[in-house]
Protein backbone atom coordinates (compact mmCIF):
# COMPACT_ATOMS: atom_id res chain seq x y z
CA MET A 1 76.30 91.91 90.15
CA ILE A 2 77.15 94.39 93.31
CA VAL A 3 76.04 98.12 92.46
CA CYS A 4 78.56 100.74 94.38
CA SER A 5 76.61 102.73 96.70
CA ARG A 6 78.79 106.15 95.23
CA CYS A 7 78.19 106.42 91.28
CA SER A 8 75.54 103.23 91.05
CA LYS A 9 77.96 101.45 88.73
CA GLU A 10 77.30 97.29 88.67
CA ASN A 11 80.44 95.07 89.40
CA GLN A 12 81.22 91.92 89.20
CA ASP A 13 80.31 90.12 92.64
CA HIS A 14 83.71 88.92 93.72
CA TYR A 15 84.78 92.91 93.01
CA LYS A 16 85.89 94.21 96.25
CA PHE A 17 86.47 97.97 94.91
CA CYS A 18 84.45 99.77 92.48
CA LEU A 19 85.63 99.89 89.04
CA GLY A 20 84.45 103.89 88.35
CA CYS A 21 85.46 105.34 91.66
CA GLY A 22 87.31 103.27 93.67
CA ALA A 23 85.01 103.32 97.30
CA GLU A 24 85.07 100.06 98.95
CA LEU A 25 81.99 97.56 97.66
CA PRO A 26 79.54 96.59 99.93
CA ARG A 27 79.69 92.59 100.95
CA GLN A 28 77.20 90.36 100.85
CA SER A 29 76.34 89.49 104.76
CA ALA A 30 78.05 86.36 106.19
CA LYS A 31 77.94 84.05 108.72
CA PRO A 32 81.71 85.22 110.75
CA ARG A 33 83.56 82.55 111.41
CA SER A 34 84.73 81.85 115.02
CA VAL A 35 88.16 82.82 116.09
CA SER A 36 91.02 80.20 116.96
CA ALA A 37 93.82 81.01 119.54
CA GLY A 38 95.67 82.47 116.28
CA GLY A 39 92.71 84.58 115.58
CA GLY A 40 92.71 88.58 115.40
CA GLY A 41 91.24 90.76 117.95
CA GLN A 42 87.74 89.38 119.01
CA LYS A 43 86.69 90.46 122.48
CA GLU A 44 87.38 87.30 125.09
CA GLY A 45 84.03 86.47 126.72
CA ARG A 46 81.65 88.09 124.50
CA THR A 47 78.87 87.18 122.04
CA THR A 48 76.37 88.89 120.97
CA ASN A 49 73.19 87.71 119.24
CA ALA A 50 71.50 89.42 116.42
CA PRO A 51 67.91 90.64 116.69
CA PRO A 52 65.79 88.68 114.27
CA ALA A 53 64.82 90.90 111.53
CA ARG A 54 61.40 92.93 112.22
CA ALA A 55 58.42 91.77 110.87
CA ALA A 56 56.91 93.76 108.00
CA ALA A 57 54.47 96.41 108.77
CA SER A 58 50.99 95.22 108.64
CA GLY A 59 48.50 96.22 105.80
CA ALA A 60 48.84 95.97 102.05
CA LEU A 61 51.01 98.71 100.21
CA ALA A 62 48.32 100.88 98.51
CA SER A 63 48.95 100.24 94.52
CA ALA A 64 50.67 103.13 92.92
CA PRO A 65 47.89 105.66 90.28
CA LYS A 66 47.49 104.53 86.88
CA LEU A 67 48.41 106.76 84.13
CA GLU A 68 45.99 107.57 81.88
CA ILE A 69 47.88 108.35 78.50
CA GLU A 70 45.93 108.98 75.33
CA PRO A 71 46.88 106.85 72.46
CA ALA A 72 48.84 108.49 69.31
CA SER A 73 46.52 108.96 66.23
CA GLU A 74 47.51 106.99 62.84
CA GLY A 75 48.42 110.59 61.13
CA SER A 76 50.06 112.27 63.53
CA PRO A 77 53.75 113.14 63.64
CA ARG A 78 56.06 110.95 65.55
CA PRO A 79 58.95 112.95 67.00
CA GLU A 80 62.15 112.53 66.17
CA PRO A 81 64.78 111.02 68.37
CA VAL A 82 66.99 113.29 70.05
CA ALA A 83 70.35 113.02 70.21
CA VAL A 84 72.47 112.77 73.43
CA ALA A 85 76.08 112.75 74.67
CA ASP A 86 77.29 109.35 76.57
CA PRO A 87 76.26 110.51 79.76
CA LEU A 88 78.94 108.14 81.05
CA PRO A 89 82.76 109.46 81.96
CA PRO A 90 85.53 107.49 80.51
CA GLU A 91 86.07 105.63 83.79
CA LEU A 92 82.51 104.70 83.75
CA ALA A 93 82.44 103.00 80.38
CA PRO A 94 82.00 99.45 80.21
CA LEU A 95 84.71 97.02 79.93
CA ASN A 96 86.81 96.21 77.44
CA ASP A 97 89.04 93.53 76.11
CA GLU A 98 92.54 95.18 76.61
CA THR A 99 93.96 94.85 80.12
CA ALA A 100 96.86 96.01 82.16
CA PRO A 101 98.21 94.88 85.49
CA CYS A 102 97.62 97.23 88.69
CA SER A 103 101.35 98.42 90.85
CA HIS A 104 100.16 97.77 93.69
CA CYS A 105 98.80 93.87 93.77
CA GLY A 106 99.19 92.89 90.16
CA ALA A 107 95.51 92.22 89.21
CA GLN A 108 94.46 92.74 86.00
CA VAL A 109 92.43 95.76 85.21
CA PRO A 110 90.79 97.01 82.25
CA GLU A 111 92.41 99.82 80.69
CA ASN A 112 89.81 102.42 80.24
CA PHE A 113 89.07 101.83 84.26
CA ARG A 114 90.80 104.05 86.71
CA PHE A 115 90.29 102.31 89.75
CA CYS A 116 91.96 98.91 90.67
CA HIS A 117 88.92 96.11 91.08
CA VAL A 118 90.92 94.40 93.65
CA CYS A 119 92.58 96.88 95.96
CA GLY A 120 91.17 99.86 95.15
CA HIS A 121 94.76 101.58 93.68
CA ASP A 122 94.43 104.45 91.90
CA LEU A 123 95.91 103.60 88.31
CA HIS A 124 95.97 107.06 87.05
CA ALA A 125 97.53 108.96 89.31
CA ALA A 126 100.32 106.18 89.91
CA GLY A 127 101.02 106.58 86.22
CA THR A 128 100.66 102.36 86.19
CA ARG A 129 99.37 102.43 82.67
CA SER A 130 102.07 102.15 79.89
CA ALA A 131 103.24 105.51 77.87
CA ASP A 132 101.16 103.71 74.49
CA ALA A 133 97.89 102.52 76.49
CA GLY A 134 95.70 105.45 74.36
CA ALA A 135 97.35 104.28 71.30
CA THR A 136 95.67 101.51 68.80
CA PRO A 137 94.76 97.77 69.23
CA GLU A 138 97.34 97.47 66.22
CA GLU A 139 99.58 99.81 67.40
CA ARG A 140 99.73 99.10 71.32
CA THR A 141 102.74 96.91 72.77
CA SER A 142 102.35 95.07 76.10
CA ALA A 143 102.74 97.38 78.88
CA PRO A 144 106.20 97.33 80.66
CA ALA A 145 106.56 95.95 83.98
CA VAL A 146 106.23 98.81 86.38
CA ALA A 147 109.74 99.41 89.01
CA ASP A 148 107.69 99.31 92.03
CA ALA A 149 105.96 95.89 90.92
CA PRO A 150 107.82 92.71 92.23
CA ALA A 151 107.66 90.35 89.34
CA ARG A 152 105.57 87.50 89.82
CA ALA A 153 108.36 84.97 89.95
CA ASP A 154 110.18 86.94 92.95
CA LEU A 155 107.07 87.15 95.49
CA ARG A 156 108.14 84.63 98.19
CA ALA A 157 105.44 85.66 100.64
CA ARG A 158 102.00 87.33 102.44
CA LEU A 159 100.96 89.32 104.91
CA ILE A 160 97.70 88.80 105.11
CA LEU A 161 94.88 90.96 107.44
CA ILE A 162 93.18 89.43 109.54
CA GLN A 163 89.77 90.96 110.43
CA PRO A 164 88.63 91.73 113.82
CA ASP A 165 86.06 88.99 113.88
CA GLY A 166 89.46 86.88 113.07
CA SER A 167 88.39 86.06 109.63
CA GLU A 168 91.38 86.43 106.71
CA GLY A 169 90.69 89.82 104.64
CA GLU A 170 93.74 91.19 101.77
CA ALA A 171 96.48 89.91 101.33
CA PHE A 172 100.36 91.76 100.74
CA SER A 173 103.29 90.12 98.87
CA LEU A 174 106.18 90.52 99.86
CA SER A 175 109.18 89.71 96.97
CA GLY A 176 112.62 88.05 98.00
CA GLY A 177 113.86 90.91 98.42
CA ARG A 178 113.78 94.34 101.06
CA THR A 179 110.35 95.42 100.74
CA LEU A 180 109.34 98.37 102.77
CA ILE A 181 105.77 98.76 104.56
CA GLY A 182 104.36 101.82 105.77
CA ARG A 183 101.46 104.39 105.89
CA GLY A 184 103.86 105.97 103.19
CA THR A 185 103.26 102.11 101.00
CA GLY A 186 99.28 103.22 100.38
CA GLY A 187 96.90 100.18 99.85
CA ILE A 188 95.50 98.72 103.28
CA PHE A 189 98.14 100.27 105.12
CA SER A 190 97.22 104.09 104.03
CA ASN A 191 94.52 104.64 106.52
CA ASP A 192 96.32 103.59 109.56
CA ALA A 193 97.69 106.48 111.89
CA TYR A 194 99.18 104.47 114.11
CA LEU A 195 101.81 102.95 111.20
CA SER A 196 104.56 105.69 110.38
CA PRO A 197 104.97 106.35 106.67
CA GLU A 198 108.15 104.54 106.67
CA HIS A 199 107.35 101.48 109.47
CA ALA A 200 109.36 98.15 109.15
CA GLU A 201 111.00 96.68 105.90
CA PHE A 202 110.56 93.08 105.28
CA ARG A 203 113.47 90.50 103.61
CA PHE A 204 114.47 87.20 103.70
CA GLU A 205 117.83 85.53 104.80
CA ASP A 206 118.15 81.96 103.07
CA ASP A 207 114.45 80.74 103.56
CA GLN A 208 113.81 82.65 107.36
CA LEU A 209 111.30 85.98 107.11
CA VAL A 210 113.10 88.64 108.80
CA VAL A 211 111.32 91.96 110.27
CA ARG A 212 112.86 94.87 110.65
CA ASP A 213 111.74 98.46 112.83
CA MET A 214 112.44 101.10 110.96
CA GLU A 215 112.21 103.22 114.50
CA SER A 216 108.80 103.55 114.22
CA LEU A 217 106.92 105.14 116.95
CA ASN A 218 104.29 102.76 117.72
CA GLY A 219 106.78 99.48 116.82
CA VAL A 220 106.75 96.20 115.46
CA TYR A 221 105.28 93.67 117.97
CA ILE A 222 105.13 89.41 117.21
CA ARG A 223 103.02 86.95 119.03
CA VAL A 224 104.70 85.00 120.77
CA ASP A 225 103.75 80.81 121.15
CA PRO A 226 101.75 79.98 124.02
CA GLU A 227 103.04 77.92 126.97
CA VAL A 228 106.87 79.10 125.85
CA PRO A 229 108.64 81.04 128.18
CA ILE A 230 110.21 84.82 126.35
CA GLU A 231 112.78 86.83 128.40
CA LEU A 232 112.41 89.89 129.10
CA PHE A 233 115.40 92.36 129.20
CA ASP A 234 115.44 96.02 130.55
CA GLY A 235 113.19 98.32 128.50
CA SER A 236 111.32 95.04 126.87
CA VAL A 237 107.80 96.22 125.91
CA PHE A 238 105.03 94.09 125.29
CA ARG A 239 101.19 93.78 124.44
CA ILE A 240 98.51 92.33 125.72
CA GLY A 241 94.62 93.56 124.62
CA GLN A 242 95.01 97.36 124.45
CA GLU A 243 97.45 97.50 127.04
CA ILE A 244 101.13 98.39 126.20
CA LEU A 245 103.71 97.45 128.93
CA ARG A 246 107.41 98.03 129.25
CA PHE A 247 109.76 95.60 132.16
CA GLU A 248 112.08 97.73 134.22
CA ALA A 249 114.99 96.05 135.85
CA PRO A 250 115.90 97.36 139.27
CA VAL A 251 118.78 99.50 140.07
CA ALA A 252 119.51 100.88 142.78
CA PRO A 253 120.35 104.64 142.98
CA ASP A 254 123.97 105.75 143.27
CA PRO A 255 124.82 107.30 146.55
CA ALA A 256 124.92 111.42 146.78
CA PRO A 257 128.32 113.02 145.84
CA ASP A 258 128.75 112.94 149.87
CA GLY A 259 128.31 109.53 150.48
CA THR A 260 124.78 109.79 151.53
CA GLN A 261 122.18 106.97 150.98
CA HIS A 262 119.11 107.41 149.02
CA ALA A 263 116.15 106.00 151.68
CA GLY A 264 113.19 104.39 150.29
CA SER A 265 110.43 101.01 151.23
CA PRO A 266 111.60 97.86 151.55
CA HIS A 267 113.00 95.83 148.66
CA HIS A 268 111.41 92.53 149.70
CA GLY A 269 113.75 91.21 146.48
CA PHE A 270 111.46 92.36 143.78
CA VAL A 271 112.68 90.57 140.49
CA GLY A 272 111.50 94.21 138.40
CA ARG A 273 108.31 96.05 137.55
CA ILE A 274 106.15 96.62 134.59
CA SER A 275 104.73 100.20 133.77
CA LEU A 276 102.06 101.18 131.42
CA VAL A 277 102.87 102.95 128.65
CA ILE A 278 100.27 106.22 127.99
CA GLY A 279 102.87 107.96 125.22
CA ARG A 280 106.33 107.58 124.23
CA ALA A 281 108.12 109.03 126.99
CA ALA A 282 105.14 108.78 129.61
CA THR A 283 104.10 106.04 131.74
CA GLY A 284 101.18 104.97 134.10
CA ASN A 285 100.74 102.80 136.75
CA SER A 286 103.60 100.62 138.03
CA PHE A 287 103.47 96.86 139.17
CA PRO A 288 106.46 95.68 141.15
CA ILE A 289 107.47 91.72 140.40
CA PRO A 290 107.97 90.09 143.55
CA PRO A 291 110.18 86.85 143.31
CA HIS A 292 107.28 84.19 142.86
CA GLY A 293 106.14 86.29 139.57
CA ILE A 294 102.80 87.78 139.00
CA HIS A 295 99.84 86.99 136.99
CA LEU A 296 98.06 89.22 134.23
CA GLY A 297 94.50 89.15 133.40
CA ARG A 298 90.86 90.71 132.95
CA GLU A 299 88.92 88.17 135.96
CA ARG A 300 91.91 86.64 137.48
CA GLY A 301 95.90 87.22 138.46
CA ASP A 302 98.10 90.04 140.29
CA VAL A 303 97.52 92.60 137.81
CA LEU A 304 93.96 92.80 136.29
CA PHE A 305 91.97 95.20 133.62
CA PRO A 306 89.36 94.69 133.85
CA GLU A 307 87.82 97.01 131.58
CA ASP A 308 89.76 95.32 128.15
CA GLY A 309 87.26 93.01 127.20
CA TYR A 310 90.44 91.81 124.32
CA VAL A 311 92.63 90.49 127.47
CA SER A 312 91.93 87.04 128.55
CA GLY A 313 90.22 86.65 132.02
CA LEU A 314 93.42 84.86 133.12
CA HIS A 315 96.08 85.89 129.72
CA CYS A 316 99.88 85.52 131.37
CA ARG A 317 102.37 85.24 133.54
CA ILE A 318 105.98 87.08 134.26
CA HIS A 319 108.31 84.95 136.15
CA SER A 320 112.16 84.85 137.50
CA GLU A 321 114.00 81.66 136.82
CA VAL A 322 118.30 81.32 137.58
CA GLY A 323 118.34 84.83 137.97
CA HIS A 324 116.17 85.87 134.33
CA VAL A 325 112.86 87.09 134.08
CA PHE A 326 110.64 85.30 131.62
CA LEU A 327 106.88 86.32 130.18
CA THR A 328 104.71 83.58 129.19
CA ASP A 329 101.86 83.16 127.38
CA VAL A 330 99.45 80.61 129.50
CA GLY A 331 96.54 80.12 126.41
CA SER A 332 95.18 83.97 125.73
CA SER A 333 92.68 84.13 123.07
CA ASN A 334 93.92 87.17 121.65
CA GLY A 335 97.51 86.69 121.91
CA THR A 336 100.63 88.00 123.95
CA PHE A 337 103.11 90.11 121.53
CA VAL A 338 106.25 91.12 122.04
CA ARG A 339 107.53 94.37 120.65
CA VAL A 340 110.84 94.24 118.09
CA SER A 341 114.03 96.10 119.88
CA ASN A 342 115.80 95.89 116.19
CA GLU A 343 115.22 93.02 113.80
CA SER A 344 113.54 89.31 114.45
CA PHE A 345 112.48 86.29 112.65
CA VAL A 346 109.43 85.85 111.49
CA PRO A 347 108.24 82.05 111.58
CA LYS A 348 105.93 80.76 109.04
CA GLY A 349 102.31 81.41 110.79
CA THR A 350 103.65 84.45 113.10
CA PHE A 351 100.96 87.34 113.95
CA VAL A 352 102.23 90.71 113.60
CA LEU A 353 100.78 93.72 114.54
CA MET A 354 101.65 96.93 113.24
CA GLY A 355 99.86 100.38 114.17
CA GLN A 356 96.24 99.01 114.31
CA GLN A 357 96.41 96.16 111.67
CA LEU A 358 97.51 92.35 112.56
CA PHE A 359 98.40 90.15 110.05
CA ARG A 360 99.69 86.54 109.72
CA ALA A 361 102.65 85.72 107.48
CA ASP A 362 102.19 82.82 104.88
CA TYR A 363 105.13 81.71 103.05
């Protein structure tokens, strides 16, 4: 059993959220899994060994003093038991056999509890209980399906949350229709301030999953396959570690109305430049891209990010071929992500970055 630190209620070992108050339950300590090339945001080249537990303080603990209790005599009257009200509110009462589905994840939750033990969803606020939930077992009918919850047979895919250590977290189900995801969706998305209220839409075209950016502020990113060149166009945005960069193709300035040409440094055949994105309409340092290309990394390359532990020593390269500019991941640990300009196919097993959360598409 897991005891909730907020309301002290006992919960089953496999519960993630307290049935009484909805608080996240503590996890049993487990050895974190190693992060593969498709894992989450583990810092590159940094290993931390946990210090051994401190030994218990020397010296025996003082024994508690014994209480001297005077035995009751044979003829002394015994106090009458005092009736007290049930100290537990209804939502903290013991489990019963009647359950209803959670509208967010579909798990069966006892009807006298307010929060789902799987996803922590507030069942009462969402109105997920049937209208006859308060009726007797003889009068109660089966709870109707919630309109917002897709039918179980209609579920076609899942977005699996990837934890910072690379292990799998919660899963969000996608139906065969259109599924809108954003901060307003609730659940695992509600606390991510980098998500727009309506951030992305997922749908299926035949057997292929498609994601569409709903003009979100921070965008939707798809992880590219290692050693597979991806063409960059003017305005393409990509991300390595915590760095967001924009590719800009070279554009010669128009002459003045009187025909005078603008002066500038020698061109040297640059195929474009990359600029750090530090705001929606603001950029930081810019780096020109010569014809032979450039490499980006934390320790090696032409453009270095030495303070970003999520960037690999040598992360990716930008190069030009037959008049086109390409971005290629060179086998980085945490991957290279390209922002979706409008919509994009999401192959099975692809990693999708939205806000500050990384997901894997599983279908």
